[in-house]
Structures are given as structure tokens and as C-alpha cells.
Amino acid sequence: MADFSCYGGVSDEWLAVEAAAPRLPADMPILERRQLDHAIATRDGQTIEGRTYRPASVPADEILPLYIHFHGGGYFFGTLASEDAICARIALGARVIVLNVNYRHTPEYTYPTAWDDGQDAYAWVHAHVAELGVDPAKVVVGGISAGAHITSSLTLQQSLGKALTSCPRPRGRFS
């Protein structure tokens, strides 16, 4: 989330959102915190980062739907940290697991790297459903701006039979 504090004081609305956001337990061992992040293998032998969010109020063994989130930023900006607040709010509000994907950015990586990363993340999810505790028939993809573009490309290519033909189709798309 962007920091606009240089434009004025902290708003009451922000303080309310901040107070309601989930917190990592202060006594959670560092090795357990690391389990929230994932290294997602890509088709070119690299890895991209992913971070999961799960509502603390849901038992750890309960199978949940999954929302895969692709950040905005014009294929240039955006990180896992920049999407922490929205991903946490979605996980809490919708009672789903959220996978926040940090696809690779331009100018270091050119087309179609970000699109391929989106498809690779989707395939990775379906290869790790048991580990993630998700229902493979209830996977939704989405994002904002460039993330919405990746989402649209992923679902269109799969619908046309040009990609991800071994994976179930997303249950929904949010962009």
C-alpha cells in the first residue's frame, strides 16, 4: 500500500483498517514465519515469490477456496509487501486463502515473462493443493491494473486451450 503520510496526518479510516488487519503473533518462531512465503518455480528455471494469507479464525486443517492475487503497477512496480493489506483483508473478509504472487517486472524481464509467471503460479497452486490446504475446484484469480491483465490473459488462454490444459479452470475471475 502506498504511503501518503507526507500529505497530511494519519486518517481515522487508516487507523481503523490498521487495527483490524491481522498480525503475526509476536512469539511466532522465525522459521514458521518463513512458511508463509513460497518459491514458485517458473518455466525458465527461475523462481518467483508468493505469500499466503489464511484467516486465523479458521482451523488449520479446514480446506478453503483460494484467491490468486496479481498486483498492479504497470508491470514495473509492485511487491508482496505493497499488497499485504489488501490480501489480508480479502482473506479475512471472504474467508479464503490468498496467494499473493510477485511476478517479474520490466525492464529486466520483457513480454511475455509476467504472463508466463501468472500461468506458472496457477499451475504451481494446482501442484500444491494439499500443502496449501485448498480446494482445487474453488480457485479464483484476480488482480488490479497489470494484475488484471495477467488474470484476463490466463483465463482467455486456458479457455482457448492454449495454456494450462491440465489444470481445472478457475472458478471465477476478479479484476
Protein backbone atom coordinates (compact mmCIF):
# COMPACT_ATOMS: atom_id res chain seq x y z
CA MET A 1 0.00 0.00 0.00
CA ALA A 2 1.28 3.47 -0.78
CA ASP A 3 2.43 5.80 1.98
CA PHE A 4 0.77 9.17 1.61
CA SER A 5 1.71 10.40 5.10
CA CYS A 6 3.78 13.25 3.68
CA TYR A 7 0.49 14.84 2.51
CA GLY A 8 -1.05 15.16 5.93
CA GLY A 9 -1.72 13.35 9.16
CA VAL A 10 -2.86 9.78 9.56
CA SER A 11 -6.59 9.45 8.91
CA ASP A 12 -9.05 7.85 11.30
CA GLU A 13 -10.08 5.48 8.49
CA TRP A 14 -6.50 4.24 8.09
CA LEU A 15 -6.13 3.70 11.84
CA ALA A 16 -9.32 1.59 11.80
CA VAL A 17 -8.05 -0.54 8.90
CA GLU A 18 -4.65 -0.94 10.54
CA ALA A 19 -6.21 -2.01 13.84
CA ALA A 20 -8.35 -4.67 12.11
CA ALA A 21 -5.55 -6.11 9.97
CA PRO A 22 -4.21 -9.49 11.06
CA ARG A 23 -0.90 -9.52 12.86
CA LEU A 24 1.72 -12.21 13.02
CA PRO A 25 1.97 -13.46 16.58
CA ALA A 26 4.95 -11.82 18.27
CA ASP A 27 6.05 -15.18 19.63
CA MET A 28 5.89 -16.98 16.24
CA PRO A 29 9.31 -18.51 15.54
CA ILE A 30 11.12 -17.09 12.52
CA LEU A 31 11.14 -20.48 10.78
CA GLU A 32 7.33 -20.64 10.99
CA ARG A 33 7.01 -17.12 9.58
CA ARG A 34 9.07 -18.21 6.59
CA GLN A 35 6.45 -20.87 5.81
CA LEU A 36 4.07 -18.08 4.75
CA ASP A 37 6.32 -17.36 1.74
CA HIS A 38 6.75 -19.68 -1.20
CA ALA A 39 9.26 -20.02 -4.04
CA ILE A 40 7.22 -20.70 -7.18
CA ALA A 41 9.16 -22.40 -9.97
CA THR A 42 8.85 -20.86 -13.43
CA ARG A 43 9.17 -22.45 -16.85
CA ASP A 44 12.56 -20.82 -17.46
CA GLY A 45 14.16 -22.32 -14.34
CA GLN A 46 13.79 -19.22 -12.15
CA THR A 47 11.57 -18.71 -9.12
CA ILE A 48 9.11 -16.00 -8.18
CA GLU A 49 7.85 -15.15 -4.72
CA GLY A 50 4.42 -15.96 -3.40
CA ARG A 51 2.92 -15.26 0.01
CA THR A 52 -0.15 -16.92 1.50
CA TYR A 53 -2.71 -15.42 3.86
CA ARG A 54 -5.12 -17.60 5.81
CA PRO A 55 -7.77 -16.38 8.25
CA ALA A 56 -6.60 -17.19 11.78
CA SER A 57 -10.20 -17.90 12.81
CA VAL A 58 -10.35 -20.95 10.50
CA PRO A 59 -8.99 -24.30 11.76
CA ALA A 60 -5.65 -25.09 10.13
CA ASP A 61 -6.93 -28.38 8.71
CA GLU A 62 -10.03 -26.90 7.05
CA ILE A 63 -9.90 -26.92 3.24
CA LEU A 64 -10.68 -23.46 1.85
CA PRO A 65 -11.13 -21.78 -1.53
CA LEU A 66 -8.09 -19.93 -2.88
CA TYR A 67 -7.79 -16.50 -4.44
CA ILE A 68 -4.63 -15.88 -6.50
CA HIS A 69 -3.80 -12.16 -6.47
CA PHE A 70 -1.64 -10.42 -9.09
CA HIS A 71 -0.59 -6.88 -8.12
CA GLY A 72 -0.87 -3.80 -10.27
CA GLY A 73 1.93 -1.41 -11.12
CA GLY A 74 2.22 -1.29 -14.89
CA TYR A 75 4.46 -4.37 -14.94
CA PHE A 76 7.11 -2.14 -13.33
CA PHE A 77 6.03 -1.55 -9.71
CA GLY A 78 4.52 -3.73 -7.01
CA THR A 79 5.78 -6.22 -4.44
CA LEU A 80 4.43 -8.72 -1.98
CA ALA A 81 4.66 -6.06 0.73
CA SER A 82 2.74 -3.49 -1.31
CA GLU A 83 -0.24 -5.86 -1.41
CA ASP A 84 -0.10 -7.14 2.19
CA ALA A 85 -3.03 -5.07 3.43
CA ILE A 86 -5.44 -5.89 0.60
CA CYS A 87 -4.54 -9.59 0.62
CA ALA A 88 -5.04 -9.81 4.39
CA ARG A 89 -8.40 -8.03 4.13
CA ILE A 90 -9.56 -10.37 1.35
CA ALA A 91 -8.53 -13.45 3.34
CA LEU A 92 -10.43 -12.22 6.40
CA GLY A 93 -13.48 -10.84 4.63
CA ALA A 94 -14.01 -13.64 2.14
CA ARG A 95 -12.79 -16.48 4.40
CA VAL A 96 -10.37 -17.76 1.75
CA ILE A 97 -6.69 -18.42 1.43
CA VAL A 98 -4.98 -15.74 -0.65
CA LEU A 99 -1.82 -16.35 -2.66
CA ASN A 100 -0.12 -13.03 -3.42
CA VAL A 101 2.15 -13.50 -6.47
CA ASN A 102 5.12 -11.27 -7.23
CA TYR A 103 5.58 -11.77 -10.98
CA ARG A 104 8.75 -10.45 -12.62
CA HIS A 105 8.89 -6.82 -13.75
CA THR A 106 10.03 -4.83 -16.73
CA PRO A 107 12.58 -3.63 -17.88
CA GLU A 108 14.66 -6.56 -16.62
CA TYR A 109 12.06 -9.00 -17.92
CA THR A 110 10.13 -8.43 -21.13
CA TYR A 111 6.91 -9.78 -22.59
CA PRO A 112 5.68 -12.48 -22.07
CA THR A 113 7.54 -13.12 -18.79
CA ALA A 114 4.86 -11.65 -16.49
CA TRP A 115 2.11 -13.57 -18.32
CA ASP A 116 4.12 -16.77 -18.13
CA ASP A 117 4.71 -16.17 -14.41
CA GLY A 118 0.94 -15.89 -13.91
CA GLN A 119 0.37 -19.20 -15.66
CA ASP A 120 3.24 -20.83 -13.77
CA ALA A 121 1.81 -19.64 -10.44
CA TYR A 122 -1.59 -21.07 -11.38
CA ALA A 123 -0.04 -24.43 -12.29
CA TRP A 124 2.06 -24.36 -9.08
CA VAL A 125 -1.09 -23.92 -6.99
CA HIS A 126 -2.66 -27.00 -8.55
CA ALA A 127 0.51 -29.00 -7.90
CA HIS A 128 0.48 -27.94 -4.23
CA VAL A 129 -3.21 -28.03 -3.24
CA ALA A 130 -2.64 -30.46 -0.36
CA GLU A 131 0.25 -28.42 1.06
CA LEU A 132 -1.75 -25.18 0.77
CA GLY A 133 -4.97 -26.69 2.15
CA VAL A 134 -7.11 -25.51 -0.76
CA ASP A 135 -9.98 -26.94 -2.79
CA PRO A 136 -8.69 -27.20 -6.39
CA ALA A 137 -12.22 -26.76 -7.73
CA LYS A 138 -12.54 -23.42 -5.92
CA VAL A 139 -9.63 -21.36 -7.22
CA VAL A 140 -10.31 -17.76 -8.23
CA VAL A 141 -7.79 -15.49 -9.98
CA GLY A 142 -7.68 -11.74 -9.97
CA GLY A 143 -5.75 -8.54 -9.71
CA ILE A 144 -5.72 -4.86 -10.44
CA SER A 145 -4.27 -2.96 -13.39
CA ALA A 146 -1.42 -5.07 -14.81
CA GLY A 147 -2.55 -7.86 -12.49
CA ALA A 148 -5.99 -7.75 -14.11
CA HIS A 149 -4.29 -8.01 -17.49
CA ILE A 150 -2.39 -11.11 -16.37
CA THR A 151 -5.66 -12.55 -15.00
CA SER A 152 -7.50 -11.93 -18.27
CA SER A 153 -4.68 -13.43 -20.31
CA LEU A 154 -4.50 -16.51 -18.11
CA THR A 155 -8.23 -17.22 -18.28
CA LEU A 156 -8.50 -16.48 -22.01
CA GLN A 157 -5.52 -18.65 -22.94
CA GLN A 158 -6.91 -21.50 -20.85
CA SER A 159 -10.39 -21.12 -22.35
CA LEU A 160 -8.89 -21.27 -25.84
CA GLY A 161 -6.94 -24.42 -24.92
CA LYS A 162 -3.58 -22.70 -25.40
CA ALA A 163 -2.35 -22.94 -21.81
CA LEU A 164 -2.91 -24.77 -18.54
CA THR A 165 -4.92 -27.52 -20.21
CA SER A 166 -4.02 -29.98 -17.43
CA CYS A 167 -5.39 -27.68 -14.69
CA PRO A 168 -9.04 -27.11 -13.81
CA ARG A 169 -10.46 -23.81 -14.99
CA PRO A 170 -10.67 -21.05 -12.41
CA ARG A 171 -13.94 -20.96 -10.51
CA GLY A 172 -14.01 -17.22 -11.05
CA ARG A 173 -12.10 -14.15 -12.13
CA PHE A 174 -11.88 -10.88 -10.29
CA SER A 175 -10.31 -7.84 -11.91
